[in-house]
Amino acid sequence: MVYRSPAITESIYKAQDAAAGTATAETILFRVPSACSLVSFQYVPKGALTGHDTNNAVITILRRPASGPGTPATIVARTTNVANGNWVAWTAVDFGTLANSTLNAGDIITMQIEKAASGVQIPEGIFVVNLQPRRLGLSE
């Protein structure tokens, strides 16, 4: 039998982009408090966003290891295109399948936003991060 601690949910505020065509350089979202697995990553926008195949944004979530800055590993990227659909205000947008989701205490989770063509303004909102603690259970 395995006993697990309950999942932890963190919410991180993100301000609205300055302009549709303005990219956001890599920005720190949070420092991982203890060894855990990233279970899901969502964004809850305060406003709507219309997906567009030419004028869009790519939001990339990255992990920088606690051992040193090095090259960040991509956890997930979400493009605001037609295939990924429109965003509805106050409705969570799931970022989908995660990679590099085993996190260590002290890892830094960051995000960056790149824009294509004229881009799109990402509305104000919150990132919702669901974490599952590791090494906290007993096995028998």
Protein backbone atom coordinates (compact mmCIF):
# COMPACT_ATOMS: atom_id res chain seq x y z
CA MET A 1 0.00 0.00 0.00
CA VAL A 2 1.29 3.48 -0.85
CA TYR A 3 0.35 6.54 1.16
CA ARG A 4 0.61 9.83 -0.70
CA SER A 5 0.34 13.39 0.35
CA PRO A 6 -2.41 15.32 -1.37
CA ALA A 7 -1.56 17.31 -4.47
CA ILE A 8 -0.55 20.93 -4.03
CA THR A 9 -2.04 23.65 -6.22
CA GLU A 10 -0.25 26.96 -6.70
CA SER A 11 -1.64 30.01 -8.48
CA ILE A 12 0.72 32.60 -9.96
CA TYR A 13 -0.52 35.98 -11.23
CA LYS A 14 0.40 37.18 -14.73
CA ALA A 15 -0.25 40.76 -15.87
CA GLN A 16 -1.68 41.49 -19.31
CA ASP A 17 0.89 41.85 -22.10
CA ALA A 18 1.92 45.43 -22.84
CA ALA A 19 1.00 45.02 -26.53
CA ALA A 20 0.02 42.28 -28.98
CA GLY A 21 3.41 42.28 -30.71
CA THR A 22 5.54 42.51 -27.56
CA ALA A 23 7.27 39.30 -26.47
CA THR A 24 7.91 38.51 -22.82
CA ALA A 25 11.46 37.50 -21.93
CA GLU A 26 11.97 34.51 -19.66
CA THR A 27 10.41 35.39 -16.31
CA ILE A 28 10.49 33.49 -13.01
CA LEU A 29 7.13 32.03 -11.94
CA PHE A 30 8.19 30.19 -8.77
CA ARG A 31 10.86 28.19 -6.96
CA VAL A 32 10.01 24.53 -6.30
CA PRO A 33 9.78 24.07 -2.50
CA SER A 34 10.43 20.31 -2.35
CA ALA A 35 10.82 17.27 -4.59
CA CYS A 36 7.60 16.81 -6.56
CA SER A 37 6.08 15.99 -9.93
CA LEU A 38 4.32 18.58 -12.04
CA VAL A 39 0.91 17.02 -12.73
CA SER A 40 -0.80 19.73 -14.78
CA PHE A 41 -0.32 23.31 -15.91
CA GLN A 42 -3.18 25.66 -16.80
CA TYR A 43 -3.82 29.32 -17.44
CA VAL A 44 -7.04 31.06 -16.38
CA PRO A 45 -7.41 34.28 -18.40
CA LYS A 46 -9.42 37.23 -17.15
CA GLY A 47 -10.37 38.05 -20.76
CA ALA A 48 -11.07 36.18 -23.98
CA LEU A 49 -8.47 35.42 -26.65
CA THR A 50 -9.17 34.45 -30.26
CA GLY A 51 -6.83 31.84 -31.72
CA HIS A 52 -5.14 32.86 -35.00
CA ASP A 53 -2.76 30.86 -37.20
CA THR A 54 -0.61 33.85 -38.21
CA ASN A 55 -0.87 36.39 -35.40
CA ASN A 56 -0.34 34.32 -32.28
CA ALA A 57 1.79 33.75 -29.22
CA VAL A 58 3.69 30.76 -27.92
CA ILE A 59 3.77 30.49 -24.12
CA THR A 60 6.63 28.24 -23.05
CA ILE A 61 7.05 26.90 -19.51
CA LEU A 62 10.64 26.02 -18.61
CA ARG A 63 12.53 24.35 -15.76
CA ARG A 64 15.92 25.63 -14.63
CA PRO A 65 17.69 23.13 -12.37
CA ALA A 66 18.58 24.03 -8.78
CA SER A 67 22.14 22.85 -9.50
CA GLY A 68 22.85 25.86 -11.69
CA PRO A 69 21.43 28.08 -14.40
CA GLY A 70 22.49 26.00 -17.43
CA THR A 71 20.11 25.55 -20.33
CA PRO A 72 16.44 25.41 -19.33
CA ALA A 73 14.39 22.30 -20.16
CA THR A 74 11.01 22.85 -21.80
CA ILE A 75 8.11 21.49 -19.75
CA VAL A 76 5.34 22.51 -22.14
CA ALA A 77 4.52 25.10 -24.81
CA ARG A 78 1.09 26.35 -25.83
CA THR A 79 0.39 28.21 -29.09
CA THR A 80 -2.62 30.51 -29.35
CA ASN A 81 -3.60 29.26 -32.80
CA VAL A 82 -6.88 28.03 -34.32
CA ALA A 83 -6.08 24.35 -33.63
CA ASN A 84 -5.73 25.06 -29.90
CA GLY A 85 -8.98 27.02 -29.84
CA ASN A 86 -10.21 30.30 -28.44
CA TRP A 87 -9.88 31.21 -24.78
CA VAL A 88 -12.95 32.07 -22.74
CA ALA A 89 -12.65 34.50 -19.84
CA TRP A 90 -12.43 32.83 -16.41
CA THR A 91 -12.11 29.35 -17.99
CA ALA A 92 -8.96 27.27 -17.47
CA VAL A 93 -6.83 26.56 -20.55
CA ASP A 94 -4.98 23.27 -20.06
CA PHE A 95 -1.44 23.24 -21.49
CA GLY A 96 -1.58 19.50 -22.21
CA THR A 97 1.11 16.81 -21.94
CA LEU A 98 4.11 17.79 -19.83
CA ALA A 99 7.77 16.83 -20.27
CA ASN A 100 10.61 17.29 -17.77
CA SER A 101 7.98 17.28 -15.05
CA THR A 102 10.01 15.61 -12.27
CA LEU A 103 11.07 18.57 -10.15
CA ASN A 104 13.68 18.89 -7.43
CA ALA A 105 13.71 21.23 -4.47
CA GLY A 106 15.14 24.55 -5.61
CA ASP A 107 14.36 24.15 -9.33
CA ILE A 108 13.10 27.39 -10.84
CA ILE A 109 10.02 27.35 -13.09
CA THR A 110 9.95 30.13 -15.65
CA MET A 111 7.85 31.20 -18.62
CA GLN A 112 8.42 33.15 -21.79
CA ILE A 113 6.08 34.38 -24.50
CA GLU A 114 7.17 34.65 -28.13
CA LYS A 115 5.02 36.39 -30.73
CA ALA A 116 4.50 35.54 -34.40
CA ALA A 117 3.70 38.22 -37.00
CA SER A 118 1.57 40.89 -35.24
CA GLY A 119 1.14 38.60 -32.23
CA VAL A 120 -1.78 38.58 -29.83
CA GLN A 121 -2.18 40.17 -26.42
CA ILE A 122 -2.28 37.56 -23.65
CA PRO A 123 -4.88 38.73 -21.14
CA GLU A 124 -4.24 39.14 -17.44
CA GLY A 125 -4.79 35.92 -15.51
CA ILE A 126 -3.25 33.24 -13.32
CA PHE A 127 -1.17 30.18 -13.99
CA VAL A 128 -2.52 27.20 -12.02
CA VAL A 129 0.16 24.64 -11.24
CA ASN A 130 -0.70 21.23 -9.76
CA LEU A 131 2.16 19.45 -7.99
CA GLN A 132 2.34 15.96 -6.47
CA PRO A 133 4.91 15.66 -3.64
CA ARG A 134 7.49 12.86 -3.95
CA ARG A 135 9.25 10.75 -1.31
CA LEU A 136 6.60 11.50 1.25
CA GLY A 137 4.84 8.14 1.38
CA LEU A 138 5.38 4.72 2.89
CA SER A 139 5.27 1.52 0.87
CA GLU A 140 4.52 -1.99 2.05
